[in-house]
Structure formats: structure tokens, C-alpha cells
């Protein structure tokens, strides 16, 4: 594509359940890609581990959208 064209938005969806130890690596791996027209959607399926809940709450990357389910859907 040339500079006058816009790139299509790519949405990366990350299911999240007690994955506090891994979420930073996952997000930073996505953000290191050369393709820049993307958004990251992290969906917390009612994490139960205190550290994972806190980590989810502290996510504040610009391209990250956080969603939380109200009931676990295992």
C-alpha cells in the first residue's frame, strides 16, 4: 500500500483467565509487530487469582480495550 491509503484495522483478541503472568508478554509481542493499525481486546472471563485481577486492572496500553464478563464461561 502507498502512503495515501489507510491500512485496515486488525483486532487481536486475547482471552484472559488468571493469566497475569503472561499478559504483558502477549501484549508487547503484538505491539512489536511492524503492522501498526491494530487494537488489542483483552477479555477477562472472571479471573479468580488476586494477582491476575490486579494485573488486568492495571493494563493501560493505548491500543488495549479491556472487557470483563460477569459470569465465567468455562
C-alpha atoms as a PDB file:
ATOM      1  CA  UNK A   1       0.000   0.000   0.000  1.00  0.00           C
ATOM      2  CA  UNK A   2       1.195   3.512  -0.652  1.00  0.00           C
ATOM      3  CA  UNK A   3       1.189   6.304   1.919  1.00  0.00           C
ATOM      4  CA  UNK A   4      -2.171   7.674   0.738  1.00  0.00           C
ATOM      5  CA  UNK A   5      -4.060   4.511   1.626  1.00  0.00           C
ATOM      6  CA  UNK A   6      -5.215   3.613   5.104  1.00  0.00           C
ATOM      7  CA  UNK A   7      -4.449   0.216   6.485  1.00  0.00           C
ATOM      8  CA  UNK A   8      -7.360  -1.921   7.645  1.00  0.00           C
ATOM      9  CA  UNK A   9      -7.696  -2.218  11.402  1.00  0.00           C
ATOM     10  CA  UNK A  10      -6.711  -5.611  12.767  1.00  0.00           C
ATOM     11  CA  UNK A  11      -8.270  -6.663  16.075  1.00  0.00           C
ATOM     12  CA  UNK A  12      -6.317  -9.097  18.234  1.00  0.00           C
ATOM     13  CA  UNK A  13      -8.476 -10.779  20.865  1.00  0.00           C
ATOM     14  CA  UNK A  14      -6.814 -12.225  23.951  1.00  0.00           C
ATOM     15  CA  UNK A  15      -8.970 -14.447  26.178  1.00  0.00           C
ATOM     16  CA  UNK A  16      -7.834 -13.885  29.768  1.00  0.00           C
ATOM     17  CA  UNK A  17      -8.451 -16.078  32.810  1.00  0.00           C
ATOM     18  CA  UNK A  18      -5.830 -15.995  35.557  1.00  0.00           C
ATOM     19  CA  UNK A  19      -3.069 -15.222  33.037  1.00  0.00           C
ATOM     20  CA  UNK A  20      -1.485 -12.300  34.865  1.00  0.00           C
ATOM     21  CA  UNK A  21       1.989 -13.791  34.480  1.00  0.00           C
ATOM     22  CA  UNK A  22       1.735 -13.809  30.682  1.00  0.00           C
ATOM     23  CA  UNK A  23      -0.390 -10.845  29.609  1.00  0.00           C
ATOM     24  CA  UNK A  24       2.416  -8.274  29.402  1.00  0.00           C
ATOM     25  CA  UNK A  25       4.484 -10.536  27.147  1.00  0.00           C
ATOM     26  CA  UNK A  26       1.473 -11.228  24.930  1.00  0.00           C
ATOM     27  CA  UNK A  27       0.588  -7.543  24.542  1.00  0.00           C
ATOM     28  CA  UNK A  28       4.162  -6.421  23.937  1.00  0.00           C
ATOM     29  CA  UNK A  29       4.656  -9.171  21.375  1.00  0.00           C
ATOM     30  CA  UNK A  30       1.674  -7.845  19.433  1.00  0.00           C
ATOM     31  CA  UNK A  31       2.815  -4.225  19.731  1.00  0.00           C
ATOM     32  CA  UNK A  32       6.285  -5.112  18.383  1.00  0.00           C
ATOM     33  CA  UNK A  33       4.817  -6.061  15.011  1.00  0.00           C
ATOM     34  CA  UNK A  34       5.612  -3.818  12.059  1.00  0.00           C
ATOM     35  CA  UNK A  35       1.902  -3.504  11.245  1.00  0.00           C
ATOM     36  CA  UNK A  36       0.621  -0.590  13.294  1.00  0.00           C
ATOM     37  CA  UNK A  37      -3.104  -0.405  12.552  1.00  0.00           C
ATOM     38  CA  UNK A  38      -4.266  -2.706  15.299  1.00  0.00           C
ATOM     39  CA  UNK A  39      -6.216  -2.864  18.501  1.00  0.00           C
ATOM     40  CA  UNK A  40      -5.919  -5.407  21.281  1.00  0.00           C
ATOM     41  CA  UNK A  41      -9.029  -6.630  23.058  1.00  0.00           C
ATOM     42  CA  UNK A  42      -8.415  -8.436  26.347  1.00  0.00           C
ATOM     43  CA  UNK A  43     -11.457 -10.288  27.665  1.00  0.00           C
ATOM     44  CA  UNK A  44     -11.251 -11.356  31.306  1.00  0.00           C
ATOM     45  CA  UNK A  45     -13.537 -14.322  31.961  1.00  0.00           C
ATOM     46  CA  UNK A  46     -13.916 -13.621  35.695  1.00  0.00           C
ATOM     47  CA  UNK A  47     -10.372 -14.310  36.854  1.00  0.00           C
ATOM     48  CA  UNK A  48     -10.161 -15.570  40.420  1.00  0.00           C
ATOM     49  CA  UNK A  49      -6.464 -15.087  41.243  1.00  0.00           C
ATOM     50  CA  UNK A  50      -5.824 -11.810  43.051  1.00  0.00           C
ATOM     51  CA  UNK A  51      -2.615 -11.104  41.086  1.00  0.00           C
ATOM     52  CA  UNK A  52      -4.355 -11.699  37.748  1.00  0.00           C
ATOM     53  CA  UNK A  53      -7.265  -9.436  38.672  1.00  0.00           C
ATOM     54  CA  UNK A  54      -4.889  -6.655  39.724  1.00  0.00           C
ATOM     55  CA  UNK A  55      -2.796  -7.084  36.565  1.00  0.00           C
ATOM     56  CA  UNK A  56      -5.910  -6.816  34.397  1.00  0.00           C
ATOM     57  CA  UNK A  57      -6.978  -3.646  36.206  1.00  0.00           C
ATOM     58  CA  UNK A  58      -3.545  -2.074  35.648  1.00  0.00           C
ATOM     59  CA  UNK A  59      -3.439  -2.693  31.887  1.00  0.00           C
ATOM     60  CA  UNK A  60      -3.200   0.757  30.344  1.00  0.00           C
ATOM     61  CA  UNK A  61      -1.607   0.383  26.914  1.00  0.00           C
ATOM     62  CA  UNK A  62      -3.028   2.829  24.370  1.00  0.00           C
ATOM     63  CA  UNK A  63      -4.285   0.170  21.943  1.00  0.00           C
ATOM     64  CA  UNK A  64      -5.813  -2.102  24.610  1.00  0.00           C
ATOM     65  CA  UNK A  65      -9.543  -2.433  25.165  1.00  0.00           C
ATOM     66  CA  UNK A  66     -10.483  -4.287  28.357  1.00  0.00           C
ATOM     67  CA  UNK A  67     -13.704  -6.230  28.761  1.00  0.00           C
ATOM     68  CA  UNK A  68     -14.797  -8.395  31.675  1.00  0.00           C
ATOM     69  CA  UNK A  69     -17.543 -10.987  31.637  1.00  0.00           C
ATOM     70  CA  UNK A  70     -19.966 -11.013  34.555  1.00  0.00           C
ATOM     71  CA  UNK A  71     -20.003 -14.812  34.743  1.00  0.00           C
ATOM     72  CA  UNK A  72     -17.286 -17.364  33.959  1.00  0.00           C
ATOM     73  CA  UNK A  73     -17.992 -19.198  30.706  1.00  0.00           C
ATOM     74  CA  UNK A  74     -15.668 -22.175  31.089  1.00  0.00           C
END
